[in-house]
Amino acid sequence: MSDSARQETMLRKPILMPPSMINKVDEIARNRKVSFAEVVREAVNAFDGDRSMEDEALLEALAETMIKTTQEVVEKIDAVEKRLDETHALLEAQ
């Protein structure tokens, strides 16, 4: 159990989950030798909605950079292909 969870008074809160999710949490708890509740507490502590928005912004910036870079690479490849075609034409003319 995390230190912050140990320092706070615990309250009981029933939750509804699909059976597949319950099975998954049970398996994680069994493998880690902790309680079902501890797995849920750790998952909640790991979740940070603000960080998700930051991650989304970073991913969008990364995607934009990749698109721009890919477009630049395609333009350079097109230029190289054009030069190759010109070179082949000159060589064939000789």
PDB file of N, CA and C in Angstrom:
ATOM      1  N   MET A   1       0.856  -1.182   0.000  1.00  0.00           N
ATOM      2  CA  MET A   1       0.000   0.000   0.000  1.00  0.00           C
ATOM      3  C   MET A   1       0.898   1.239   0.000  1.00  0.00           C
ATOM      4  N   SER A   2       0.530   2.248  -0.759  1.00  0.00           N
ATOM      5  CA  SER A   2       1.342   3.454  -0.827  1.00  0.00           C
ATOM      6  C   SER A   2       1.297   4.211   0.495  1.00  0.00           C
ATOM      7  N   ASP A   3       2.319   5.027   0.735  1.00  0.00           N
ATOM      8  CA  ASP A   3       2.399   5.782   1.995  1.00  0.00           C
ATOM      9  C   ASP A   3       1.210   6.704   2.178  1.00  0.00           C
ATOM     10  N   SER A   4       0.797   7.392   1.105  1.00  0.00           N
ATOM     11  CA  SER A   4      -0.327   8.325   1.233  1.00  0.00           C
ATOM     12  C   SER A   4      -1.613   7.579   1.561  1.00  0.00           C
ATOM     13  N   ALA A   5      -1.785   6.383   0.983  1.00  0.00           N
ATOM     14  CA  ALA A   5      -2.994   5.602   1.277  1.00  0.00           C
ATOM     15  C   ALA A   5      -2.984   5.124   2.721  1.00  0.00           C
ATOM     16  N   ARG A   6      -1.813   4.791   3.258  1.00  0.00           N
ATOM     17  CA  ARG A   6      -1.734   4.334   4.650  1.00  0.00           C
ATOM     18  C   ARG A   6      -2.034   5.466   5.626  1.00  0.00           C
ATOM     19  N   GLN A   7      -1.709   6.685   5.255  1.00  0.00           N
ATOM     20  CA  GLN A   7      -1.890   7.817   6.157  1.00  0.00           C
ATOM     21  C   GLN A   7      -3.332   8.313   6.173  1.00  0.00           C
ATOM     22  N   GLU A   8      -4.095   7.994   5.165  1.00  0.00           N
ATOM     23  CA  GLU A   8      -5.480   8.446   5.105  1.00  0.00           C
ATOM     24  C   GLU A   8      -6.421   7.383   5.657  1.00  0.00           C
ATOM     25  N   THR A   9      -7.570   7.835   6.151  1.00  0.00           N
ATOM     26  CA  THR A   9      -8.611   6.902   6.571  1.00  0.00           C
ATOM     27  C   THR A   9      -9.212   6.272   5.329  1.00  0.00           C
ATOM     28  N   MET A  10      -9.363   4.953   5.347  1.00  0.00           N
ATOM     29  CA  MET A  10      -9.919   4.249   4.202  1.00  0.00           C
ATOM     30  C   MET A  10     -11.441   4.279   4.269  1.00  0.00           C
ATOM     31  N   LEU A  11     -12.056   4.475   3.130  1.00  0.00           N
ATOM     32  CA  LEU A  11     -13.513   4.440   3.000  1.00  0.00           C
ATOM     33  C   LEU A  11     -13.867   3.354   1.999  1.00  0.00           C
ATOM     34  N   ARG A  12     -14.975   2.694   2.230  1.00  0.00           N
ATOM     35  CA  ARG A  12     -15.436   1.650   1.320  1.00  0.00           C
ATOM     36  C   ARG A  12     -16.264   2.288   0.211  1.00  0.00           C
ATOM     37  N   LYS A  13     -15.995   1.879  -1.022  1.00  0.00           N
ATOM     38  CA  LYS A  13     -16.730   2.412  -2.164  1.00  0.00           C
ATOM     39  C   LYS A  13     -16.990   1.269  -3.141  1.00  0.00           C
ATOM     40  N   PRO A  14     -18.237   0.824  -3.246  1.00  0.00           N
ATOM     41  CA  PRO A  14     -18.512  -0.240  -4.221  1.00  0.00           C
ATOM     42  C   PRO A  14     -18.376   0.307  -5.638  1.00  0.00           C
ATOM     43  N   ILE A  15     -17.799  -0.498  -6.505  1.00  0.00           N
ATOM     44  CA  ILE A  15     -17.656  -0.079  -7.903  1.00  0.00           C
ATOM     45  C   ILE A  15     -18.204  -1.181  -8.803  1.00  0.00           C
ATOM     46  N   LEU A  16     -18.640  -0.774  -9.979  1.00  0.00           N
ATOM     47  CA  LEU A  16     -19.132  -1.727 -10.969  1.00  0.00           C
ATOM     48  C   LEU A  16     -18.092  -1.854 -12.069  1.00  0.00           C
ATOM     49  N   MET A  17     -17.780  -3.101 -12.429  1.00  0.00           N
ATOM     50  CA  MET A  17     -16.821  -3.383 -13.493  1.00  0.00           C
ATOM     51  C   MET A  17     -17.326  -4.574 -14.286  1.00  0.00           C
ATOM     52  N   PRO A  18     -17.006  -4.612 -15.564  1.00  0.00           N
ATOM     53  CA  PRO A  18     -17.343  -5.812 -16.326  1.00  0.00           C
ATOM     54  C   PRO A  18     -16.505  -6.995 -15.810  1.00  0.00           C
ATOM     55  N   PRO A  19     -17.033  -8.206 -15.927  1.00  0.00           N
ATOM     56  CA  PRO A  19     -16.309  -9.382 -15.429  1.00  0.00           C
ATOM     57  C   PRO A  19     -14.888  -9.504 -15.982  1.00  0.00           C
ATOM     58  N   SER A  20     -14.695  -9.141 -17.236  1.00  0.00           N
ATOM     59  CA  SER A  20     -13.347  -9.250 -17.818  1.00  0.00           C
ATOM     60  C   SER A  20     -12.358  -8.339 -17.105  1.00  0.00           C
ATOM     61  N   MET A  21     -12.812  -7.155 -16.712  1.00  0.00           N
ATOM     62  CA  MET A  21     -11.945  -6.227 -16.005  1.00  0.00           C
ATOM     63  C   MET A  21     -11.664  -6.729 -14.583  1.00  0.00           C
ATOM     64  N   ILE A  22     -12.690  -7.280 -13.943  1.00  0.00           N
ATOM     65  CA  ILE A  22     -12.506  -7.844 -12.598  1.00  0.00           C
ATOM     66  C   ILE A  22     -11.484  -8.980 -12.665  1.00  0.00           C
ATOM     67  N   ASN A  23     -11.611  -9.833 -13.675  1.00  0.00           N
ATOM     68  CA  ASN A  23     -10.658 -10.936 -13.839  1.00  0.00           C
ATOM     69  C   ASN A  23      -9.240 -10.419 -14.045  1.00  0.00           C
ATOM     70  N   LYS A  24      -9.129  -9.360 -14.820  1.00  0.00           N
ATOM     71  CA  LYS A  24      -7.809  -8.784 -15.084  1.00  0.00           C
ATOM     72  C   LYS A  24      -7.197  -8.232 -13.800  1.00  0.00           C
ATOM     73  N   VAL A  25      -7.982  -7.501 -13.021  1.00  0.00           N
ATOM     74  CA  VAL A  25      -7.474  -6.937 -11.767  1.00  0.00           C
ATOM     75  C   VAL A  25      -7.131  -8.064 -10.795  1.00  0.00           C
ATOM     76  N   ASP A  26      -7.993  -9.093 -10.725  1.00  0.00           N
ATOM     77  CA  ASP A  26      -7.711 -10.244  -9.866  1.00  0.00           C
ATOM     78  C   ASP A  26      -6.379 -10.892 -10.241  1.00  0.00           C
ATOM     79  N   GLU A  27      -6.146 -11.052 -11.535  1.00  0.00           N
ATOM     80  CA  GLU A  27      -4.900 -11.670 -11.990  1.00  0.00           C
ATOM     81  C   GLU A  27      -3.689 -10.810 -11.637  1.00  0.00           C
ATOM     82  N   ILE A  28      -3.800  -9.515 -11.849  1.00  0.00           N
ATOM     83  CA  ILE A  28      -2.704  -8.605 -11.494  1.00  0.00           C
ATOM     84  C   ILE A  28      -2.425  -8.688  -9.997  1.00  0.00           C
ATOM     85  N   ALA A  29      -3.484  -8.652  -9.199  1.00  0.00           N
ATOM     86  CA  ALA A  29      -3.327  -8.715  -7.740  1.00  0.00           C
ATOM     87  C   ALA A  29      -2.673 -10.030  -7.325  1.00  0.00           C
ATOM     88  N   ARG A  30      -3.134 -11.117  -7.902  1.00  0.00           N
ATOM     89  CA  ARG A  30      -2.582 -12.437  -7.570  1.00  0.00           C
ATOM     90  C   ARG A  30      -1.097 -12.503  -7.951  1.00  0.00           C
ATOM     91  N   ASN A  31      -0.749 -12.046  -9.143  1.00  0.00           N
ATOM     92  CA  ASN A  31       0.646 -12.078  -9.598  1.00  0.00           C
ATOM     93  C   ASN A  31       1.557 -11.196  -8.752  1.00  0.00           C
ATOM     94  N   ARG A  32       1.033 -10.075  -8.306  1.00  0.00           N
ATOM     95  CA  ARG A  32       1.839  -9.140  -7.509  1.00  0.00           C
ATOM     96  C   ARG A  32       1.735  -9.405  -6.017  1.00  0.00           C
ATOM     97  N   LYS A  33       0.839 -10.342  -5.658  1.00  0.00           N
ATOM     98  CA  LYS A  33       0.612 -10.700  -4.251  1.00  0.00           C
ATOM     99  C   LYS A  33       0.165  -9.494  -3.415  1.00  0.00           C
ATOM    100  N   VAL A  34      -0.800  -8.763  -3.979  1.00  0.00           N
ATOM    101  CA  VAL A  34      -1.418  -7.636  -3.282  1.00  0.00           C
ATOM    102  C   VAL A  34      -2.932  -7.792  -3.403  1.00  0.00           C
ATOM    103  N   SER A  35      -3.656  -6.936  -2.726  1.00  0.00           N
ATOM    104  CA  SER A  35      -5.116  -7.018  -2.772  1.00  0.00           C
ATOM    105  C   SER A  35      -5.666  -6.374  -4.049  1.00  0.00           C
ATOM    106  N   PHE A  36      -6.908  -6.732  -4.348  1.00  0.00           N
ATOM    107  CA  PHE A  36      -7.647  -6.122  -5.453  1.00  0.00           C
ATOM    108  C   PHE A  36      -7.661  -4.609  -5.262  1.00  0.00           C
ATOM    109  N   ALA A  37      -7.969  -4.178  -4.034  1.00  0.00           N
ATOM    110  CA  ALA A  37      -8.067  -2.750  -3.729  1.00  0.00           C
ATOM    111  C   ALA A  37      -6.738  -2.038  -3.962  1.00  0.00           C
ATOM    112  N   GLU A  38      -5.631  -2.703  -3.652  1.00  0.00           N
ATOM    113  CA  GLU A  38      -4.315  -2.075  -3.849  1.00  0.00           C
ATOM    114  C   GLU A  38      -4.057  -1.848  -5.336  1.00  0.00           C
ATOM    115  N   VAL A  39      -4.432  -2.808  -6.168  1.00  0.00           N
ATOM    116  CA  VAL A  39      -4.261  -2.633  -7.615  1.00  0.00           C
ATOM    117  C   VAL A  39      -5.078  -1.433  -8.091  1.00  0.00           C
ATOM    118  N   VAL A  40      -6.315  -1.317  -7.611  1.00  0.00           N
ATOM    119  CA  VAL A  40      -7.169  -0.190  -7.998  1.00  0.00           C
ATOM    120  C   VAL A  40      -6.570   1.122  -7.507  1.00  0.00           C
ATOM    121  N   ARG A  41      -6.092   1.152  -6.248  1.00  0.00           N
ATOM    122  CA  ARG A  41      -5.485   2.388  -5.720  1.00  0.00           C
ATOM    123  C   ARG A  41      -4.271   2.803  -6.543  1.00  0.00           C
ATOM    124  N   GLU A  42      -3.429   1.828  -6.902  1.00  0.00           N
ATOM    125  CA  GLU A  42      -2.236   2.146  -7.698  1.00  0.00           C
ATOM    126  C   GLU A  42      -2.623   2.660  -9.082  1.00  0.00           C
ATOM    127  N   ALA A  43      -3.665   2.078  -9.657  1.00  0.00           N
ATOM    128  CA  ALA A  43      -4.121   2.539 -10.972  1.00  0.00           C
ATOM    129  C   ALA A  43      -4.635   3.974 -10.896  1.00  0.00           C
ATOM    130  N   VAL A  44      -5.380   4.274  -9.843  1.00  0.00           N
ATOM    131  CA  VAL A  44      -5.904   5.636  -9.673  1.00  0.00           C
ATOM    132  C   VAL A  44      -4.754   6.617  -9.468  1.00  0.00           C
ATOM    133  N   ASN A  45      -3.769   6.241  -8.663  1.00  0.00           N
ATOM    134  CA  ASN A  45      -2.618   7.116  -8.434  1.00  0.00           C
ATOM    135  C   ASN A  45      -1.809   7.333  -9.708  1.00  0.00           C
ATOM    136  N   ALA A  46      -1.773   6.308 -10.569  1.00  0.00           N
ATOM    137  CA  ALA A  46      -1.012   6.424 -11.809  1.00  0.00           C
ATOM    138  C   ALA A  46      -1.722   7.300 -12.840  1.00  0.00           C
ATOM    139  N   PHE A  47      -3.029   7.445 -12.708  1.00  0.00           N
ATOM    140  CA  PHE A  47      -3.808   8.225 -13.665  1.00  0.00           C
ATOM    141  C   PHE A  47      -3.688   9.710 -13.348  1.00  0.00           C
ATOM    142  N   ASP A  48      -3.403  10.488 -14.379  1.00  0.00           N
ATOM    143  CA  ASP A  48      -3.311  11.943 -14.223  1.00  0.00           C
ATOM    144  C   ASP A  48      -3.938  12.570 -15.460  1.00  0.00           C
ATOM    145  N   GLY A  49      -5.164  13.047 -15.339  1.00  0.00           N
ATOM    146  CA  GLY A  49      -5.884  13.626 -16.464  1.00  0.00           C
ATOM    147  C   GLY A  49      -5.164  14.782 -17.112  1.00  0.00           C
ATOM    148  N   ASP A  50      -4.524  15.638 -16.310  1.00  0.00           N
ATOM    149  CA  ASP A  50      -3.787  16.773 -16.870  1.00  0.00           C
ATOM    150  C   ASP A  50      -2.611  16.290 -17.706  1.00  0.00           C
ATOM    151  N   ARG A  51      -1.947  15.260 -17.211  1.00  0.00           N
ATOM    152  CA  ARG A  51      -0.812  14.731 -17.945  1.00  0.00           C
ATOM    153  C   ARG A  51      -1.285  14.155 -19.282  1.00  0.00           C
ATOM    154  N   SER A  52      -2.470  13.571 -19.294  1.00  0.00           N
ATOM    155  CA  SER A  52      -3.000  13.024 -20.535  1.00  0.00           C
ATOM    156  C   SER A  52      -3.186  14.131 -21.568  1.00  0.00           C
ATOM    157  N   MET A  53      -3.638  15.299 -21.132  1.00  0.00           N
ATOM    158  CA  MET A  53      -3.799  16.422 -22.062  1.00  0.00           C
ATOM    159  C   MET A  53      -2.431  16.870 -22.563  1.00  0.00           C
ATOM    160  N   GLU A  54      -1.433  16.894 -21.676  1.00  0.00           N
ATOM    161  CA  GLU A  54      -0.079  17.262 -22.086  1.00  0.00           C
ATOM    162  C   GLU A  54       0.462  16.240 -23.078  1.00  0.00           C
ATOM    163  N   ASP A  55       0.230  14.954 -22.782  1.00  0.00           N
ATOM    164  CA  ASP A  55       0.678  13.902 -23.681  1.00  0.00           C
ATOM    165  C   ASP A  55       0.028  14.046 -25.040  1.00  0.00           C
ATOM    166  N   GLU A  56      -1.267  14.371 -25.051  1.00  0.00           N
ATOM    167  CA  GLU A  56      -1.979  14.537 -26.311  1.00  0.00           C
ATOM    168  C   GLU A  56      -1.384  15.690 -27.118  1.00  0.00           C
ATOM    169  N   ALA A  57      -1.061  16.789 -26.440  1.00  0.00           N
ATOM    170  CA  ALA A  57      -0.463  17.941 -27.124  1.00  0.00           C
ATOM    171  C   ALA A  57       0.917  17.577 -27.669  1.00  0.00           C
ATOM    172  N   LEU A  58       1.685  16.836 -26.888  1.00  0.00           N
ATOM    173  CA  LEU A  58       3.007  16.414 -27.348  1.00  0.00           C
ATOM    174  C   LEU A  58       2.900  15.479 -28.554  1.00  0.00           C
ATOM    175  N   LEU A  59       1.949  14.551 -28.496  1.00  0.00           N
ATOM    176  CA  LEU A  59       1.755  13.638 -29.623  1.00  0.00           C
ATOM    177  C   LEU A  59       1.329  14.377 -30.880  1.00  0.00           C
ATOM    178  N   GLU A  60       0.470  15.378 -30.715  1.00  0.00           N
ATOM    179  CA  GLU A  60       0.034  16.162 -31.872  1.00  0.00           C
ATOM    180  C   GLU A  60       1.209  16.935 -32.468  1.00  0.00           C
ATOM    181  N   ALA A  61       2.049  17.529 -31.616  1.00  0.00           N
ATOM    182  CA  ALA A  61       3.226  18.251 -32.100  1.00  0.00           C
ATOM    183  C   ALA A  61       4.184  17.298 -32.802  1.00  0.00           C
ATOM    184  N   LEU A  62       4.346  16.102 -32.235  1.00  0.00           N
ATOM    185  CA  LEU A  62       5.212  15.104 -32.857  1.00  0.00           C
ATOM    186  C   LEU A  62       4.663  14.699 -34.218  1.00  0.00           C
ATOM    187  N   ALA A  63       3.366  14.482 -34.299  1.00  0.00           N
ATOM    188  CA  ALA A  63       2.744  14.100 -35.572  1.00  0.00           C
ATOM    189  C   ALA A  63       2.937  15.198 -36.616  1.00  0.00           C
ATOM    190  N   GLU A  64       2.747  16.451 -36.222  1.00  0.00           N
ATOM    191  CA  GLU A  64       2.930  17.563 -37.157  1.00  0.00           C
ATOM    192  C   GLU A  64       4.376  17.620 -37.649  1.00  0.00           C
ATOM    193  N   THR A  65       5.323  17.411 -36.737  1.00  0.00           N
ATOM    194  CA  THR A  65       6.738  17.415 -37.112  1.00  0.00           C
ATOM    195  C   THR A  65       7.041  16.275 -38.069  1.00  0.00           C
ATOM    196  N   MET A  66       6.486  15.107 -37.795  1.00  0.00           N
ATOM    197  CA  MET A  66       6.716  13.958 -38.673  1.00  0.00           C
ATOM    198  C   MET A  66       6.123  14.191 -40.056  1.00  0.00           C
ATOM    199  N   ILE A  67       4.935  14.793 -40.110  1.00  0.00           N
ATOM    200  CA  ILE A  67       4.311  15.089 -41.402  1.00  0.00           C
ATOM    201  C   ILE A  67       5.170  16.070 -42.188  1.00  0.00           C
ATOM    202  N   LYS A  68       5.625  17.124 -41.531  1.00  0.00           N
ATOM    203  CA  LYS A  68       6.451  18.134 -42.193  1.00  0.00           C
ATOM    204  C   LYS A  68       7.761  17.514 -42.688  1.00  0.00           C
ATOM    205  N   THR A  69       8.401  16.721 -41.835  1.00  0.00           N
ATOM    206  CA  THR A  69       9.660  16.080 -42.201  1.00  0.00           C
ATOM    207  C   THR A  69       9.459  15.118 -43.362  1.00  0.00           C
ATOM    208  N   THR A  70       8.371  14.363 -43.327  1.00  0.00           N
ATOM    209  CA  THR A  70       8.082  13.425 -44.410  1.00  0.00           C
ATOM    210  C   THR A  70       7.872  14.169 -45.718  1.00  0.00           C
ATOM    211  N   GLN A  71       7.155  15.294 -45.666  1.00  0.00           N
ATOM    212  CA  GLN A  71       6.943  16.092 -46.875  1.00  0.00           C
ATOM    213  C   GLN A  71       8.273  16.609 -47.420  1.00  0.00           C
ATOM    214  N   GLU A  72       9.161  17.041 -46.534  1.00  0.00           N
ATOM    215  CA  GLU A  72      10.473  17.531 -46.973  1.00  0.00           C
ATOM    216  C   GLU A  72      11.287  16.407 -47.604  1.00  0.00           C
ATOM    217  N   VAL A  73      11.229  15.227 -47.022  1.00  0.00           N
ATOM    218  CA  VAL A  73      11.956  14.083 -47.566  1.00  0.00           C
ATOM    219  C   VAL A  73      11.416  13.719 -48.942  1.00  0.00           C
ATOM    220  N   VAL A  74      10.088  13.714 -49.086  1.00  0.00           N
ATOM    221  CA  VAL A  74       9.483  13.407 -50.388  1.00  0.00           C
ATOM    222  C   VAL A  74       9.929  14.426 -51.430  1.00  0.00           C
ATOM    223  N   GLU A  75       9.966  15.702 -51.059  1.00  0.00           N
ATOM    224  CA  GLU A  75      10.422  16.741 -51.998  1.00  0.00           C
ATOM    225  C   GLU A  75      11.866  16.501 -52.409  1.00  0.00           C
ATOM    226  N   LYS A  76      12.724  16.130 -51.457  1.00  0.00           N
ATOM    227  CA  LYS A  76      14.133  15.873 -51.778  1.00  0.00           C
ATOM    228  C   LYS A  76      14.278  14.645 -52.659  1.00  0.00           C
ATOM    229  N   ILE A  77      13.495  13.611 -52.397  1.00  0.00           N
ATOM    230  CA  ILE A  77      13.539  12.412 -53.234  1.00  0.00           C
ATOM    231  C   ILE A  77      13.084  12.750 -54.642  1.00  0.00           C
ATOM    232  N   ASP A  78      12.030  13.551 -54.757  1.00  0.00           N
ATOM    233  CA  ASP A  78      11.558  13.975 -56.080  1.00  0.00           C
ATOM    234  C   ASP A  78      12.655  14.724 -56.829  1.00  0.00           C
ATOM    235  N   ALA A  79      13.376  15.600 -56.139  1.00  0.00           N
ATOM    236  CA  ALA A  79      14.461  16.364 -56.770  1.00  0.00           C
ATOM    237  C   ALA A  79      15.581  15.434 -57.218  1.00  0.00           C
ATOM    238  N   VAL A  80      15.911  14.454 -56.403  1.00  0.00           N
ATOM    239  CA  VAL A  80      16.961  13.494 -56.771  1.00  0.00           C
ATOM    240  C   VAL A  80      16.515  12.670 -57.977  1.00  0.00           C
ATOM    241  N   GLU A  81      15.264  12.234 -57.980  1.00  0.00           N
ATOM    242  CA  GLU A  81      14.752  11.467 -59.124  1.00  0.00           C
ATOM    243  C   GLU A  81      14.792  12.298 -60.410  1.00  0.00           C
ATOM    244  N   LYS A  82      14.459  13.581 -60.291  1.00  0.00           N
ATOM    245  CA  LYS A  82      14.498  14.468 -61.462  1.00  0.00           C
ATOM    246  C   LYS A  82      15.929  14.574 -61.987  1.00  0.00           C
ATOM    247  N   ARG A  83      16.896  14.745 -61.072  1.00  0.00           N
ATOM    248  CA  ARG A  83      18.302  14.843 -61.488  1.00  0.00           C
ATOM    249  C   ARG A  83      18.779  13.536 -62.117  1.00  0.00           C
ATOM    250  N   LEU A  84      18.331  12.410 -61.555  1.00  0.00           N
ATOM    251  CA  LEU A  84      18.707  11.114 -62.127  1.00  0.00           C
ATOM    252  C   LEU A  84      18.140  10.956 -63.540  1.00  0.00           C
ATOM    253  N   ASP A  85      16.877  11.357 -63.700  1.00  0.00           N
ATOM    254  CA  ASP A  85      16.266  11.286 -65.033  1.00  0.00           C
ATOM    255  C   ASP A  85      17.036  12.154 -66.030  1.00  0.00           C
ATOM    256  N   GLU A  86      17.433  13.360 -65.595  1.00  0.00           N
ATOM    257  CA  GLU A  86      18.197  14.254 -66.466  1.00  0.00           C
ATOM    258  C   GLU A  86      19.557  13.646 -66.810  1.00  0.00           C
ATOM    259  N   THR A  87      20.180  13.046 -65.823  1.00  0.00           N
ATOM    260  CA  THR A  87      21.485  12.412 -66.049  1.00  0.00           C
ATOM    261  C   THR A  87      21.366  11.229 -66.993  1.00  0.00           C
ATOM    262  N   HIS A  88      20.338  10.412 -66.802  1.00  0.00           N
ATOM    263  CA  HIS A  88      20.119   9.279 -67.710  1.00  0.00           C
ATOM    264  C   HIS A  88      19.872   9.780 -69.138  1.00  0.00           C
ATOM    265  N   ALA A  89      19.097  10.832 -69.282  1.00  0.00           N
ATOM    266  CA  ALA A  89      18.806  11.385 -70.607  1.00  0.00           C
ATOM    267  C   ALA A  89      20.097  11.869 -71.271  1.00  0.00           C
ATOM    268  N   LEU A  90      20.962  12.542 -70.509  1.00  0.00           N
ATOM    269  CA  LEU A  90      22.245  13.012 -71.070  1.00  0.00           C
ATOM    270  C   LEU A  90      23.119  11.850 -71.479  1.00  0.00           C
ATOM    271  N   LEU A  91      23.161  10.811 -70.652  1.00  0.00           N
ATOM    272  CA  LEU A  91      23.996   9.654 -70.959  1.00  0.00           C
ATOM    273  C   LEU A  91      23.480   8.905 -72.181  1.00  0.00           C
ATOM    274  N   GLU A  92      22.192   8.811 -72.325  1.00  0.00           N
ATOM    275  CA  GLU A  92      21.614   8.136 -73.488  1.00  0.00           C
ATOM    276  C   GLU A  92      21.824   8.932 -74.760  1.00  0.00           C
ATOM    277  N   ALA A  93      21.880  10.243 -74.631  1.00  0.00           N
ATOM    278  CA  ALA A  93      22.074  11.101 -75.814  1.00  0.00           C
ATOM    279  C   ALA A  93      23.499  11.003 -76.348  1.00  0.00           C
ATOM    280  N   GLN A  94      24.436  10.582 -75.552  1.00  0.00           N
ATOM    281  CA  GLN A  94      25.841  10.537 -75.994  1.00  0.00           C
ATOM    282  C   GLN A  94      26.144   9.369 -76.846  1.00  0.00           C
TER     283      GLN A  94
END
